[in-house]
Structures are given as structure tokens and as C-alpha cells.
Amino acid sequence: MPEKLIEFDTRVSNPLGYEFLVDLMLFSFNEFDVIIGMDWLIVHDAIVNCTQKRIVLKCQNDEIVNVETD
């Protein structure tokens, strides 16, 4: 099946009301939930801790958000 690149901007929010503008692209990778680009990480002053499975992000209002997974 041929793949087609589809790009669109969307806002991702969580139950706490924090929103982040993202540019999502669909890939046929089963190994990854999401691929985060360096430019996006820089904009959000991200700290990525792979050992603890945690990403710390700065919101537009300078609040800090911790994103963790199991």
C-alpha cells in the first residue's frame, strides 16, 4: 500500500488544560507512539530523562509540566 504524507497542525491538550501546538505526521512505525523533533523540544525548553521515562516541558505561560509513562 503506497504511503501518503499528510501534514496538519493541531493542539494537544491534557486534563489539566495545558495545550501544545504540534505538527503531526502519520508513519507506519509500530515501535513508536510519537516522534518529537528537536525544534519542538527547543521551543518547549524540554528536558528528556530516558531512564525515568519523563519529559519536562515549559508551557507558554512558563508553567512546568512533567510528562511520565510506565
N, C-alpha and C. Protein backbone atom coordinates (compact mmCIF):
# COMPACT_ATOMS: atom_id res chain seq x y z
N MET A 1 0.83 -1.17 0.00
CA MET A 1 0.00 0.00 0.00
C MET A 1 0.89 1.25 0.00
N PRO A 2 0.73 2.13 -0.97
CA PRO A 2 1.58 3.33 -1.00
C PRO A 2 1.26 4.26 0.16
N GLU A 3 2.31 4.87 0.68
CA GLU A 3 2.13 5.80 1.79
C GLU A 3 1.97 7.21 1.25
N LYS A 4 1.19 8.02 1.94
CA LYS A 4 0.96 9.40 1.55
C LYS A 4 1.23 10.29 2.76
N LEU A 5 2.01 11.33 2.54
CA LEU A 5 2.33 12.26 3.61
C LEU A 5 1.16 13.21 3.83
N ILE A 6 0.68 13.24 5.05
CA ILE A 6 -0.41 14.14 5.43
C ILE A 6 0.10 14.99 6.59
N GLU A 7 0.12 16.29 6.40
CA GLU A 7 0.59 17.18 7.46
C GLU A 7 -0.53 18.13 7.88
N PHE A 8 -0.63 18.35 9.18
CA PHE A 8 -1.58 19.33 9.69
C PHE A 8 -1.15 19.75 11.07
N ASP A 9 -1.49 20.98 11.42
CA ASP A 9 -1.20 21.49 12.77
C ASP A 9 -2.39 21.20 13.66
N THR A 10 -2.11 20.81 14.87
CA THR A 10 -3.18 20.56 15.83
C THR A 10 -2.70 20.97 17.21
N ARG A 11 -3.60 21.08 18.12
CA ARG A 11 -3.24 21.37 19.51
C ARG A 11 -3.53 20.13 20.35
N VAL A 12 -2.55 19.76 21.14
CA VAL A 12 -2.70 18.64 22.05
C VAL A 12 -2.90 19.21 23.45
N SER A 13 -3.92 18.75 24.14
CA SER A 13 -4.15 19.22 25.50
C SER A 13 -4.34 18.02 26.42
N ASN A 14 -4.29 18.29 27.70
CA ASN A 14 -4.47 17.23 28.68
C ASN A 14 -5.55 17.65 29.67
N PRO A 15 -5.92 16.78 30.60
CA PRO A 15 -6.99 17.12 31.55
C PRO A 15 -6.69 18.35 32.42
N LEU A 16 -5.42 18.72 32.54
CA LEU A 16 -5.07 19.90 33.34
C LEU A 16 -5.23 21.19 32.55
N GLY A 17 -5.51 21.07 31.24
CA GLY A 17 -5.75 22.25 30.43
C GLY A 17 -4.53 22.81 29.72
N TYR A 18 -3.38 22.16 29.81
CA TYR A 18 -2.20 22.63 29.11
C TYR A 18 -2.32 22.26 27.64
N GLU A 19 -1.98 23.21 26.76
CA GLU A 19 -2.06 22.97 25.33
C GLU A 19 -0.69 23.17 24.70
N PHE A 20 -0.40 22.35 23.69
CA PHE A 20 0.84 22.45 22.95
C PHE A 20 0.52 22.32 21.47
N LEU A 21 1.02 23.26 20.66
CA LEU A 21 0.85 23.18 19.22
C LEU A 21 1.82 22.13 18.68
N VAL A 22 1.30 21.18 17.91
CA VAL A 22 2.14 20.12 17.35
C VAL A 22 1.85 19.99 15.86
N ASP A 23 2.84 19.52 15.14
CA ASP A 23 2.72 19.24 13.71
C ASP A 23 2.87 17.74 13.57
N LEU A 24 1.76 17.03 13.47
CA LEU A 24 1.78 15.57 13.45
C LEU A 24 1.85 15.03 12.03
N MET A 25 2.62 13.96 11.87
CA MET A 25 2.69 13.24 10.60
C MET A 25 2.49 11.76 10.90
N LEU A 26 1.71 11.08 10.10
CA LEU A 26 1.42 9.67 10.29
C LEU A 26 2.50 8.83 9.62
N PHE A 27 3.13 7.95 10.39
CA PHE A 27 4.11 7.00 9.87
C PHE A 27 3.63 5.60 10.20
N SER A 28 4.10 4.64 9.44
CA SER A 28 3.70 3.25 9.69
C SER A 28 4.74 2.54 10.57
N PHE A 29 5.13 3.16 11.68
CA PHE A 29 6.04 2.56 12.64
C PHE A 29 5.22 2.01 13.80
N ASN A 30 5.37 0.75 14.10
CA ASN A 30 4.67 0.18 15.25
C ASN A 30 5.47 0.35 16.54
N GLU A 31 6.76 0.67 16.40
CA GLU A 31 7.63 0.73 17.57
C GLU A 31 7.50 2.03 18.35
N PHE A 32 6.94 3.08 17.74
CA PHE A 32 6.93 4.40 18.36
C PHE A 32 5.51 4.91 18.54
N ASP A 33 5.25 5.56 19.67
CA ASP A 33 3.97 6.25 19.88
C ASP A 33 3.99 7.60 19.19
N VAL A 34 5.12 8.29 19.32
CA VAL A 34 5.26 9.62 18.73
C VAL A 34 6.76 9.90 18.55
N ILE A 35 7.09 10.67 17.54
CA ILE A 35 8.46 11.12 17.33
C ILE A 35 8.46 12.63 17.54
N ILE A 36 9.27 13.10 18.47
CA ILE A 36 9.31 14.52 18.81
C ILE A 36 10.57 15.12 18.21
N GLY A 37 10.41 16.17 17.41
CA GLY A 37 11.54 16.81 16.75
C GLY A 37 12.31 17.73 17.68
N MET A 38 13.59 17.93 17.35
CA MET A 38 14.44 18.79 18.16
C MET A 38 13.92 20.22 18.21
N ASP A 39 13.39 20.73 17.10
CA ASP A 39 12.87 22.10 17.09
C ASP A 39 11.74 22.27 18.09
N TRP A 40 10.84 21.28 18.17
CA TRP A 40 9.71 21.33 19.11
C TRP A 40 10.23 21.26 20.54
N LEU A 41 11.21 20.39 20.78
CA LEU A 41 11.78 20.26 22.12
C LEU A 41 12.46 21.56 22.56
N ILE A 42 13.13 22.23 21.64
CA ILE A 42 13.79 23.50 21.96
C ILE A 42 12.76 24.57 22.30
N VAL A 43 11.70 24.67 21.51
CA VAL A 43 10.66 25.68 21.76
C VAL A 43 10.07 25.52 23.16
N HIS A 44 9.92 24.27 23.61
CA HIS A 44 9.31 24.00 24.91
C HIS A 44 10.34 23.75 26.01
N ASP A 45 11.60 24.12 25.72
CA ASP A 45 12.67 24.04 26.72
C ASP A 45 12.66 22.68 27.42
N ALA A 46 12.54 21.62 26.63
CA ALA A 46 12.32 20.27 27.17
C ALA A 46 13.58 19.67 27.80
N ILE A 47 13.35 18.92 28.85
CA ILE A 47 14.38 18.08 29.47
C ILE A 47 13.88 16.65 29.35
N VAL A 48 14.62 15.82 28.63
CA VAL A 48 14.23 14.43 28.39
C VAL A 48 15.08 13.53 29.28
N ASN A 49 14.42 12.74 30.13
CA ASN A 49 15.10 11.79 31.01
C ASN A 49 14.63 10.39 30.62
N CYS A 50 15.43 9.71 29.80
CA CYS A 50 15.04 8.38 29.30
C CYS A 50 15.01 7.34 30.42
N THR A 51 15.92 7.43 31.38
CA THR A 51 15.96 6.46 32.46
C THR A 51 14.68 6.48 33.29
N GLN A 52 14.18 7.67 33.57
CA GLN A 52 12.95 7.81 34.37
C GLN A 52 11.70 7.86 33.50
N LYS A 53 11.85 7.78 32.18
CA LYS A 53 10.74 7.87 31.22
C LYS A 53 9.92 9.13 31.48
N ARG A 54 10.62 10.27 31.51
CA ARG A 54 9.99 11.54 31.85
C ARG A 54 10.47 12.64 30.89
N ILE A 55 9.54 13.52 30.52
CA ILE A 55 9.87 14.72 29.77
C ILE A 55 9.31 15.90 30.56
N VAL A 56 10.15 16.90 30.79
CA VAL A 56 9.73 18.12 31.46
C VAL A 56 9.61 19.20 30.39
N LEU A 57 8.44 19.86 30.32
CA LEU A 57 8.16 20.87 29.31
C LEU A 57 7.79 22.19 29.96
N LYS A 58 8.13 23.29 29.29
CA LYS A 58 7.71 24.61 29.75
C LYS A 58 6.54 25.05 28.88
N CYS A 59 5.44 25.44 29.51
CA CYS A 59 4.26 25.92 28.80
C CYS A 59 4.46 27.36 28.36
N GLN A 60 3.52 27.86 27.55
CA GLN A 60 3.58 29.24 27.07
C GLN A 60 3.52 30.24 28.22
N ASN A 61 2.85 29.88 29.32
CA ASN A 61 2.76 30.78 30.48
C ASN A 61 3.89 30.52 31.49
N ASP A 62 4.92 29.80 31.06
CA ASP A 62 6.11 29.47 31.86
C ASP A 62 5.86 28.46 32.97
N GLU A 63 4.67 27.86 33.03
CA GLU A 63 4.45 26.76 33.97
C GLU A 63 5.20 25.53 33.47
N ILE A 64 5.57 24.66 34.40
CA ILE A 64 6.31 23.45 34.08
C ILE A 64 5.36 22.26 34.11
N VAL A 65 5.46 21.40 33.10
CA VAL A 65 4.63 20.19 33.01
C VAL A 65 5.56 18.99 32.94
N ASN A 66 5.31 17.99 33.79
CA ASN A 66 6.04 16.73 33.75
C ASN A 66 5.19 15.69 33.04
N VAL A 67 5.74 15.07 32.00
CA VAL A 67 5.05 14.01 31.28
C VAL A 67 5.79 12.72 31.58
N GLU A 68 5.09 11.76 32.19
CA GLU A 68 5.70 10.49 32.59
C GLU A 68 4.92 9.32 32.01
N THR A 69 5.60 8.20 31.85
CA THR A 69 4.96 6.99 31.36
C THR A 69 5.45 5.80 32.17
N ASP A 70 4.75 4.69 32.05
CA ASP A 70 5.14 3.47 32.77
C ASP A 70 6.32 2.80 32.11
